[in-house]
N, C-alpha and C. Protein backbone atom coordinates (compact mmCIF):
# COMPACT_ATOMS: atom_id res chain seq x y z
N MET A 1 -10.47 28.13 -1.31
CA MET A 1 -11.11 28.19 -0.01
C MET A 1 -10.07 27.83 1.05
N SER A 2 -9.86 28.70 2.02
CA SER A 2 -8.87 28.42 3.05
C SER A 2 -9.49 27.57 4.16
N GLN A 3 -8.60 26.90 4.87
CA GLN A 3 -9.04 26.05 5.96
C GLN A 3 -9.43 26.90 7.16
N PRO A 4 -10.46 26.51 7.87
CA PRO A 4 -10.80 27.24 9.09
C PRO A 4 -9.69 27.06 10.13
N GLU A 5 -9.45 28.11 10.91
CA GLU A 5 -8.46 28.04 11.97
C GLU A 5 -9.14 27.69 13.29
N ILE A 6 -8.49 26.84 14.05
CA ILE A 6 -8.95 26.49 15.39
C ILE A 6 -7.78 26.65 16.34
N THR A 7 -8.08 27.05 17.54
CA THR A 7 -7.01 27.20 18.52
C THR A 7 -6.70 25.85 19.16
N GLN A 8 -5.53 25.79 19.76
CA GLN A 8 -5.14 24.58 20.47
C GLN A 8 -6.17 24.25 21.55
N ARG A 9 -6.68 25.27 22.20
CA ARG A 9 -7.69 25.07 23.25
C ARG A 9 -8.97 24.49 22.64
N ASP A 10 -9.41 25.03 21.47
CA ASP A 10 -10.59 24.47 20.80
C ASP A 10 -10.37 22.99 20.47
N LEU A 11 -9.18 22.69 19.99
CA LEU A 11 -8.88 21.31 19.64
C LEU A 11 -8.99 20.42 20.87
N ARG A 12 -8.47 20.87 21.98
CA ARG A 12 -8.54 20.08 23.21
C ARG A 12 -9.98 19.94 23.70
N ASN A 13 -10.73 21.05 23.72
CA ASN A 13 -12.08 21.03 24.28
C ASN A 13 -13.12 20.43 23.36
N ARG A 14 -12.90 20.51 22.06
CA ARG A 14 -13.89 20.01 21.08
C ARG A 14 -13.31 18.91 20.20
N SER A 15 -12.40 18.12 20.77
CA SER A 15 -11.66 17.15 19.95
C SER A 15 -12.57 16.17 19.21
N LYS A 16 -13.61 15.65 19.87
CA LYS A 16 -14.48 14.69 19.18
C LYS A 16 -15.16 15.33 17.99
N GLU A 17 -15.73 16.50 18.19
CA GLU A 17 -16.41 17.21 17.10
C GLU A 17 -15.44 17.51 15.95
N ILE A 18 -14.26 17.97 16.29
CA ILE A 18 -13.28 18.33 15.25
C ILE A 18 -12.78 17.08 14.53
N MET A 19 -12.48 16.03 15.27
CA MET A 19 -12.00 14.80 14.63
C MET A 19 -13.07 14.15 13.76
N ASP A 20 -14.32 14.25 14.18
CA ASP A 20 -15.42 13.76 13.33
C ASP A 20 -15.46 14.54 12.02
N ALA A 21 -15.26 15.85 12.10
CA ALA A 21 -15.26 16.68 10.89
C ALA A 21 -14.08 16.30 9.99
N VAL A 22 -12.91 16.04 10.58
CA VAL A 22 -11.74 15.62 9.79
C VAL A 22 -12.04 14.28 9.12
N GLU A 23 -12.65 13.38 9.86
CA GLU A 23 -12.99 12.07 9.30
C GLU A 23 -13.91 12.20 8.10
N HIS A 24 -14.75 13.25 8.10
CA HIS A 24 -15.68 13.46 6.99
C HIS A 24 -15.12 14.40 5.93
N GLY A 25 -13.80 14.64 5.96
CA GLY A 25 -13.17 15.37 4.87
C GLY A 25 -12.78 16.81 5.13
N ARG A 26 -13.10 17.37 6.29
CA ARG A 26 -12.74 18.76 6.59
C ARG A 26 -11.30 18.86 7.03
N SER A 27 -10.67 19.99 6.76
CA SER A 27 -9.30 20.27 7.19
C SER A 27 -9.31 21.51 8.06
N PHE A 28 -8.35 21.58 8.98
CA PHE A 28 -8.25 22.72 9.89
C PHE A 28 -6.79 23.13 10.04
N THR A 29 -6.58 24.42 10.28
CA THR A 29 -5.28 24.92 10.68
C THR A 29 -5.34 25.18 12.18
N VAL A 30 -4.36 24.64 12.91
CA VAL A 30 -4.32 24.78 14.36
C VAL A 30 -3.40 25.94 14.72
N THR A 31 -3.87 26.80 15.63
CA THR A 31 -3.06 27.94 16.07
C THR A 31 -2.81 27.86 17.57
N ARG A 32 -1.70 28.46 17.99
CA ARG A 32 -1.38 28.60 19.41
C ARG A 32 -0.81 29.99 19.59
N ASP A 33 -1.38 30.73 20.50
CA ASP A 33 -0.96 32.12 20.75
C ASP A 33 -0.98 32.95 19.46
N GLY A 34 -1.98 32.68 18.62
CA GLY A 34 -2.13 33.44 17.38
C GLY A 34 -1.22 33.02 16.24
N HIS A 35 -0.38 32.01 16.46
CA HIS A 35 0.54 31.54 15.42
C HIS A 35 0.07 30.20 14.87
N ARG A 36 0.14 30.07 13.57
CA ARG A 36 -0.23 28.80 12.93
C ARG A 36 0.86 27.78 13.25
N ILE A 37 0.45 26.63 13.81
CA ILE A 37 1.43 25.62 14.19
C ILE A 37 1.25 24.28 13.49
N GLY A 38 0.12 24.06 12.87
CA GLY A 38 -0.08 22.77 12.21
C GLY A 38 -1.39 22.71 11.46
N GLU A 39 -1.56 21.59 10.79
CA GLU A 39 -2.79 21.34 10.04
C GLU A 39 -3.34 19.97 10.40
N LEU A 40 -4.64 19.89 10.50
CA LEU A 40 -5.33 18.61 10.62
C LEU A 40 -5.98 18.36 9.28
N ILE A 41 -5.55 17.29 8.63
CA ILE A 41 -6.11 16.97 7.32
C ILE A 41 -6.53 15.51 7.30
N PRO A 42 -7.58 15.19 6.56
CA PRO A 42 -8.02 13.79 6.50
C PRO A 42 -7.02 12.96 5.70
N LEU A 43 -6.87 11.71 6.09
CA LEU A 43 -6.04 10.78 5.31
C LEU A 43 -6.81 10.35 4.09
N ARG A 44 -6.07 10.17 3.02
CA ARG A 44 -6.73 9.64 1.81
C ARG A 44 -7.06 8.19 2.05
N ARG A 45 -8.26 7.83 1.74
CA ARG A 45 -8.67 6.43 1.91
C ARG A 45 -8.21 5.63 0.69
N ARG A 46 -7.63 4.48 0.98
CA ARG A 46 -7.18 3.62 -0.10
C ARG A 46 -8.31 2.69 -0.52
N ARG A 47 -8.45 2.56 -1.82
CA ARG A 47 -9.42 1.59 -2.32
C ARG A 47 -8.77 0.23 -2.33
N ARG A 48 -9.51 -0.77 -1.98
CA ARG A 48 -8.97 -2.12 -1.96
C ARG A 48 -8.95 -2.73 -3.36
N PHE A 49 -9.94 -2.39 -4.16
CA PHE A 49 -10.05 -3.00 -5.47
C PHE A 49 -10.09 -1.93 -6.54
N VAL A 50 -9.55 -2.24 -7.67
CA VAL A 50 -9.59 -1.35 -8.82
C VAL A 50 -10.56 -1.97 -9.81
N THR A 51 -11.46 -1.17 -10.31
CA THR A 51 -12.41 -1.71 -11.28
C THR A 51 -11.69 -2.08 -12.56
N ARG A 52 -12.28 -2.94 -13.32
CA ARG A 52 -11.71 -3.36 -14.60
C ARG A 52 -11.53 -2.17 -15.52
N ALA A 53 -12.51 -1.26 -15.53
CA ALA A 53 -12.42 -0.08 -16.39
C ALA A 53 -11.27 0.83 -15.96
N ASP A 54 -11.08 1.01 -14.65
CA ASP A 54 -9.97 1.83 -14.17
C ASP A 54 -8.63 1.19 -14.51
N PHE A 55 -8.53 -0.12 -14.34
CA PHE A 55 -7.29 -0.81 -14.67
C PHE A 55 -6.98 -0.67 -16.16
N ALA A 56 -7.98 -0.84 -16.99
CA ALA A 56 -7.77 -0.70 -18.44
C ALA A 56 -7.33 0.72 -18.79
N ALA A 57 -7.94 1.71 -18.16
CA ALA A 57 -7.56 3.10 -18.43
C ALA A 57 -6.12 3.37 -18.01
N MET A 58 -5.71 2.87 -16.85
CA MET A 58 -4.33 3.07 -16.38
C MET A 58 -3.34 2.32 -17.27
N SER A 59 -3.73 1.15 -17.75
CA SER A 59 -2.83 0.33 -18.55
C SER A 59 -2.57 0.92 -19.93
N ARG A 60 -3.51 1.69 -20.43
CA ARG A 60 -3.32 2.30 -21.75
C ARG A 60 -2.10 3.22 -21.80
N ASN A 61 -1.79 3.85 -20.68
CA ASN A 61 -0.68 4.79 -20.63
C ASN A 61 0.60 4.19 -20.05
N ALA A 62 0.57 2.92 -19.72
CA ALA A 62 1.74 2.27 -19.13
C ALA A 62 2.81 2.06 -20.20
N PRO A 63 4.08 2.16 -19.82
CA PRO A 63 5.14 1.93 -20.81
C PRO A 63 5.20 0.46 -21.20
N LEU A 64 5.68 0.20 -22.41
CA LEU A 64 5.84 -1.17 -22.87
C LEU A 64 7.01 -1.81 -22.14
N VAL A 65 6.89 -3.10 -21.86
CA VAL A 65 7.94 -3.84 -21.17
C VAL A 65 8.59 -4.79 -22.17
N ASP A 66 9.92 -4.72 -22.28
CA ASP A 66 10.69 -5.64 -23.11
C ASP A 66 10.89 -6.90 -22.28
N ALA A 67 10.22 -7.99 -22.66
CA ALA A 67 10.26 -9.22 -21.87
C ALA A 67 11.67 -9.76 -21.74
N GLY A 68 12.47 -9.69 -22.80
CA GLY A 68 13.85 -10.20 -22.76
C GLY A 68 14.70 -9.40 -21.78
N GLN A 69 14.58 -8.07 -21.81
CA GLN A 69 15.35 -7.23 -20.90
C GLN A 69 14.88 -7.43 -19.45
N PHE A 70 13.57 -7.59 -19.27
CA PHE A 70 13.03 -7.83 -17.93
C PHE A 70 13.61 -9.13 -17.35
N ARG A 71 13.65 -10.17 -18.18
CA ARG A 71 14.19 -11.47 -17.73
C ARG A 71 15.68 -11.33 -17.41
N ALA A 72 16.43 -10.60 -18.25
CA ALA A 72 17.86 -10.39 -18.01
C ALA A 72 18.07 -9.65 -16.69
N ASP A 73 17.24 -8.65 -16.42
CA ASP A 73 17.35 -7.91 -15.17
C ASP A 73 17.08 -8.82 -13.97
N LEU A 74 16.06 -9.66 -14.08
CA LEU A 74 15.76 -10.61 -12.99
C LEU A 74 16.92 -11.59 -12.78
N ASP A 75 17.48 -12.11 -13.88
CA ASP A 75 18.60 -13.04 -13.77
C ASP A 75 19.81 -12.38 -13.11
N ALA A 76 20.06 -11.11 -13.44
CA ALA A 76 21.20 -10.40 -12.87
C ALA A 76 21.03 -10.24 -11.36
N VAL A 77 19.83 -9.97 -10.93
CA VAL A 77 19.58 -9.81 -9.50
C VAL A 77 19.66 -11.17 -8.80
N ALA A 78 19.11 -12.20 -9.42
CA ALA A 78 19.10 -13.53 -8.81
C ALA A 78 20.51 -14.10 -8.71
N ASP A 79 21.39 -13.75 -9.65
CA ASP A 79 22.75 -14.28 -9.65
C ASP A 79 23.69 -13.52 -8.71
N SER A 80 23.29 -12.34 -8.27
CA SER A 80 24.17 -11.58 -7.38
C SER A 80 24.10 -12.15 -5.98
N GLU A 81 25.20 -11.97 -5.23
CA GLU A 81 25.23 -12.48 -3.87
C GLU A 81 24.80 -11.39 -2.90
N PRO A 82 23.72 -11.63 -2.18
CA PRO A 82 23.27 -10.61 -1.24
C PRO A 82 24.15 -10.58 0.00
N SER A 83 24.28 -9.41 0.58
CA SER A 83 24.94 -9.36 1.88
C SER A 83 23.84 -9.53 2.92
N SER A 84 24.03 -10.45 3.80
CA SER A 84 22.98 -10.80 4.74
C SER A 84 23.54 -10.91 6.14
N PRO A 85 22.78 -10.49 7.14
CA PRO A 85 23.25 -10.70 8.52
C PRO A 85 23.35 -12.18 8.86
N TYR A 86 22.71 -13.03 8.07
CA TYR A 86 22.75 -14.46 8.33
C TYR A 86 24.05 -15.09 7.81
N ASP A 87 24.90 -14.28 7.14
CA ASP A 87 26.19 -14.76 6.67
C ASP A 87 27.23 -14.71 7.79
N SER A 88 26.81 -14.46 9.00
CA SER A 88 27.74 -14.42 10.12
C SER A 88 27.25 -15.37 11.20
N VAL A 89 28.13 -15.68 12.13
CA VAL A 89 27.78 -16.61 13.20
C VAL A 89 28.04 -15.96 14.54
N ARG A 90 27.38 -16.43 15.56
CA ARG A 90 27.56 -15.90 16.90
C ARG A 90 28.69 -16.67 17.58
N SER A 91 29.64 -15.92 18.11
CA SER A 91 30.75 -16.52 18.83
C SER A 91 30.24 -17.01 20.18
N PRO A 92 30.44 -18.31 20.50
CA PRO A 92 29.94 -18.82 21.77
C PRO A 92 30.60 -18.16 22.98
N ARG A 93 31.84 -17.73 22.80
CA ARG A 93 32.57 -17.16 23.93
C ARG A 93 32.11 -15.72 24.23
N SER A 94 32.04 -14.88 23.20
CA SER A 94 31.71 -13.48 23.45
C SER A 94 30.24 -13.15 23.24
N GLY A 95 29.52 -14.01 22.52
CA GLY A 95 28.13 -13.72 22.21
C GLY A 95 27.97 -12.69 21.10
N CYS A 96 29.09 -12.28 20.48
CA CYS A 96 29.06 -11.29 19.41
C CYS A 96 28.98 -11.98 18.06
N TRP A 97 28.43 -11.28 17.11
CA TRP A 97 28.37 -11.79 15.75
C TRP A 97 29.69 -11.52 15.06
N THR A 98 30.21 -12.53 14.36
CA THR A 98 31.45 -12.37 13.61
C THR A 98 31.24 -12.89 12.20
N PRO A 99 31.88 -12.27 11.22
CA PRO A 99 31.72 -12.74 9.83
C PRO A 99 32.25 -14.15 9.67
N THR A 100 31.62 -14.91 8.77
CA THR A 100 32.04 -16.29 8.53
C THR A 100 33.19 -16.36 7.56
N SER A 101 33.40 -15.36 6.73
CA SER A 101 34.48 -15.44 5.74
C SER A 101 35.66 -14.59 6.11
């Protein structure tokens, strides 16, 4: 099923009606001078909570995690030195940031 086409003028003149339809799941292709220029599509609504059954179903297909390797990966990241803008100081004379090392 293709999306209904609406002109730019229709969008301007009937914006409340059209946006209400988009909010309720309808999509539209917008045209100007007979040329397709865009689409109005509803945003996917995010669920805040996942049911226990949905979580269990998703978890069945999740890859296994090697706890030892996971810990080693975390240790490697924690032991590395991050580069940070806070590793520099502001020069009182110029007001510019300069590296501390």
